Structures are given as structure tokens and as C-alpha cells.
Protein backbone atom coordinates (compact mmCIF):
# COMPACT_ATOMS: atom_id res chain seq x y z
CA MET A 1 56.16 34.19 -60.24
CA ARG A 2 59.48 32.43 -59.61
CA THR A 3 59.40 33.66 -56.01
CA HIS A 4 55.81 32.78 -55.10
CA LEU A 5 55.06 29.63 -57.09
CA PRO A 6 57.54 27.22 -55.39
CA PRO A 7 56.25 27.95 -51.84
CA LEU A 8 52.66 27.70 -53.07
CA VAL A 9 53.29 24.35 -54.76
CA SER A 10 55.32 22.94 -51.87
CA GLY A 11 52.76 24.15 -49.29
CA THR A 12 49.93 22.61 -51.29
CA LEU A 13 51.85 19.35 -51.62
CA PHE A 14 52.63 19.40 -47.88
CA GLY A 15 48.97 20.03 -46.98
CA ALA A 16 47.80 17.28 -49.33
CA GLY A 17 50.31 14.88 -47.76
CA LEU A 18 49.11 15.75 -44.27
CA ALA A 19 45.49 15.23 -45.28
CA LEU A 20 46.29 11.96 -47.06
CA GLY A 21 48.25 10.74 -44.02
CA GLY A 22 45.34 11.55 -41.71
CA MET A 23 47.30 14.25 -39.87
CA THR A 24 44.41 16.72 -40.03
CA ASP A 25 42.56 14.53 -37.53
CA PRO A 26 43.38 15.80 -34.01
CA ALA A 27 42.46 12.38 -32.58
CA ARG A 28 45.42 10.84 -34.44
CA ILE A 29 47.83 13.36 -32.95
CA ARG A 30 46.47 12.92 -29.45
CA GLY A 31 46.63 9.15 -30.02
CA PHE A 32 50.33 9.44 -30.90
CA LEU A 33 51.00 11.51 -27.78
CA ASP A 34 49.06 9.05 -25.58
CA ILE A 35 51.95 6.60 -25.17
CA PHE A 36 50.46 4.93 -22.08
CA GLY A 37 46.93 4.61 -23.49
CA ALA A 38 45.56 3.91 -26.95
CA TRP A 39 48.81 4.78 -28.76
CA ASP A 40 48.47 5.48 -32.51
CA PRO A 41 51.82 5.22 -34.39
CA THR A 42 50.51 6.86 -37.60
CA LEU A 43 52.37 10.13 -36.96
CA ALA A 44 55.64 8.22 -36.53
CA PHE A 45 55.22 6.75 -40.03
CA VAL A 46 54.45 10.18 -41.51
CA MET A 47 57.51 11.69 -39.78
CA GLY A 48 59.61 8.70 -40.85
CA GLY A 49 58.57 9.26 -44.47
CA ALA A 50 59.55 12.92 -44.18
CA VAL A 51 62.94 12.03 -42.65
CA LEU A 52 63.57 9.51 -45.45
CA VAL A 53 62.81 12.07 -48.18
CA MET A 54 64.96 14.69 -46.43
CA GLY A 55 67.79 12.18 -45.99
CA ILE A 56 67.81 11.56 -49.74
CA ALA A 57 67.60 15.30 -50.48
CA TRP A 58 70.57 16.05 -48.18
CA ARG A 59 72.72 13.73 -50.32
CA PHE A 60 72.34 16.22 -53.20
CA VAL A 61 73.01 19.43 -51.25
CA PRO A 62 76.84 19.22 -51.18
CA ARG A 63 76.87 18.98 -54.99
CA MET A 64 74.73 22.09 -55.44
CA ALA A 65 76.16 25.60 -55.70
CA HIS A 66 72.85 27.07 -54.50
CA PRO A 67 69.22 25.97 -54.08
CA VAL A 68 67.06 25.79 -57.19
CA PHE A 69 64.81 28.68 -56.13
CA ALA A 70 67.12 30.77 -53.91
CA PRO A 71 70.50 32.47 -54.26
CA LYS A 72 71.99 30.66 -51.23
CA PHE A 73 71.29 28.02 -48.60
CA SER A 74 70.04 29.30 -45.26
CA LEU A 75 71.02 26.66 -42.72
CA PRO A 76 70.65 27.05 -38.96
CA ASP A 77 73.58 26.84 -36.58
CA ARG A 78 73.96 26.75 -32.81
CA THR A 79 73.64 30.55 -32.53
CA ASP A 80 70.01 30.17 -33.66
CA LEU A 81 69.21 28.25 -30.44
CA THR A 82 67.90 31.11 -28.29
CA PRO A 83 65.71 31.16 -25.17
CA GLN A 84 62.92 32.58 -27.34
CA LEU A 85 63.20 29.60 -29.70
CA VAL A 86 63.15 27.10 -26.82
CA GLY A 87 60.18 28.88 -25.19
CA GLY A 88 58.32 29.06 -28.49
CA ALA A 89 58.97 25.38 -29.20
CA THR A 90 57.69 24.47 -25.74
CA LEU A 91 54.56 26.58 -26.20
CA PHE A 92 54.07 25.05 -29.66
CA GLY A 93 54.33 21.54 -28.20
CA VAL A 94 51.84 22.26 -25.43
CA GLY A 95 49.39 23.77 -27.93
CA TRP A 96 49.90 20.86 -30.31
CA GLY A 97 49.17 18.38 -27.54
CA LEU A 98 46.07 20.25 -26.37
CA ALA A 99 44.56 20.98 -29.78
CA GLY A 100 45.90 17.97 -31.66
CA LEU A 101 46.82 20.30 -34.51
CA CYS A 102 49.84 22.27 -35.59
CA PRO A 103 49.78 25.05 -38.20
CA GLY A 104 50.03 22.90 -41.35
CA PRO A 105 47.23 20.48 -40.50
CA GLY A 106 45.27 23.31 -38.88
CA PHE A 107 45.12 25.27 -42.13
CA ALA A 108 44.60 22.08 -44.18
CA SER A 109 41.63 21.30 -41.90
CA LEU A 110 39.92 24.48 -43.07
CA ALA A 111 38.91 22.51 -46.17
CA ILE A 112 37.87 19.37 -44.26
CA ALA A 113 36.38 20.52 -40.94
CA PRO A 114 36.13 24.30 -41.22
CA LEU A 115 34.16 24.91 -38.00
CA GLU A 116 36.79 23.39 -35.69
CA ALA A 117 39.71 24.63 -37.79
CA VAL A 118 38.54 28.25 -37.80
CA VAL A 119 38.87 28.46 -34.02
CA PHE A 120 42.36 26.94 -34.16
CA CYS A 121 43.52 29.15 -37.05
CA ALA A 122 42.09 32.31 -35.47
CA SER A 123 43.88 31.48 -32.21
CA LEU A 124 47.11 30.80 -34.09
CA LEU A 125 46.90 34.11 -35.95
CA ALA A 126 46.05 35.95 -32.70
CA GLY A 127 49.15 34.44 -31.08
CA MET A 128 51.31 35.50 -34.03
CA LEU A 129 49.89 39.02 -33.85
CA MET A 130 50.47 39.14 -30.09
CA HIS A 131 54.10 38.09 -30.61
CA ARG A 132 54.56 40.79 -33.22
CA VAL A 133 53.09 43.44 -30.93
CA LEU A 134 55.04 42.33 -27.84
CA PHE A 135 58.43 41.37 -29.27
CA ASP A 136 58.88 43.06 -32.63
CA GLN A 137 58.15 46.47 -31.13
CA LYS A 138 60.93 45.96 -28.57
CA ALA A 139 63.38 45.09 -31.37
CA LYS A 140 62.40 48.19 -33.37
CA ALA A 141 62.50 50.59 -30.41
CA PRO A 142 65.47 52.95 -30.67
CA ALA A 143 68.07 52.64 -27.94
CA HIS A 144 68.10 55.63 -25.59
CA ALA A 145 71.43 57.37 -25.53
CA SER A 146 72.88 57.82 -22.06
CA HIS A 147 74.41 61.18 -21.17
């Protein structure tokens, strides 16, 4: 219970915040990305709120021996910046711009506009499965010994 409840609660809170902020509406996202047209700054305010909360939270981190629900902090460093990460981030951004949804709002939209969200979520899951098939199999393949 201690392992599964915190992610469930935080994910639910995150989804509720996205829905409350209107971020499950693809038109808002496209409006934010349309800087030369009918620009909608709503997403900037939602991101600003998130940055503010994180900024406050980061003030407490140095005083903590470990996170509340984990044995240690898992913070990224420059070695985590790989070509796969950059390519994935680029693909994510293109998909976000085209669909107007990213995974959080996409899954939250299942409760609000299930017909449109099902197509997005199915495509997202298909992409994750394709990645697993293409890339995880390469990582698990045993290296051939040279003679």
C-alpha cells in the first residue's frame, strides 16, 4: 500500500489539476502553441503554477535525508541526456502539437471526452509497445562473443 498509494494520489491530483486548468482541451494547447495567431496563455499560467510549487518544494530537499516515500532521491544528471532522450522529446513535442494532448491530459480526457481520448490513448500505448519491441529487445539481446 505504501508503494502504490502515493503515485495513485499524486496522479489523481495531477489529473484533477489538469482538468481544472482546462488542459484536457486540445484547443487550449494548440492555442498556446499558435504564437502568431490566436495565442492562449492559459498553459503558461498552469506551467508557472507548477514551477512555483516545485520551487518551494526544492527549498526543503536539502534538509531531507531521503524522500518521504522512497529510500533515496533519484535526480537526473548530464549523463541522462542521450540521443534517444532528445529524439523522444522531439517526437513527444511534435505529437503534442498535432494532437493538442500529452499523456496526462490524454488519460484525464478519458473521463471527459472518451471518444477522442481513446484514439489518443490507444496511439500512445501502441507507440510505447513499439518502443519496447524495437529498443528493449536490443538491450536484452546477448552480445555475441568473437572468436
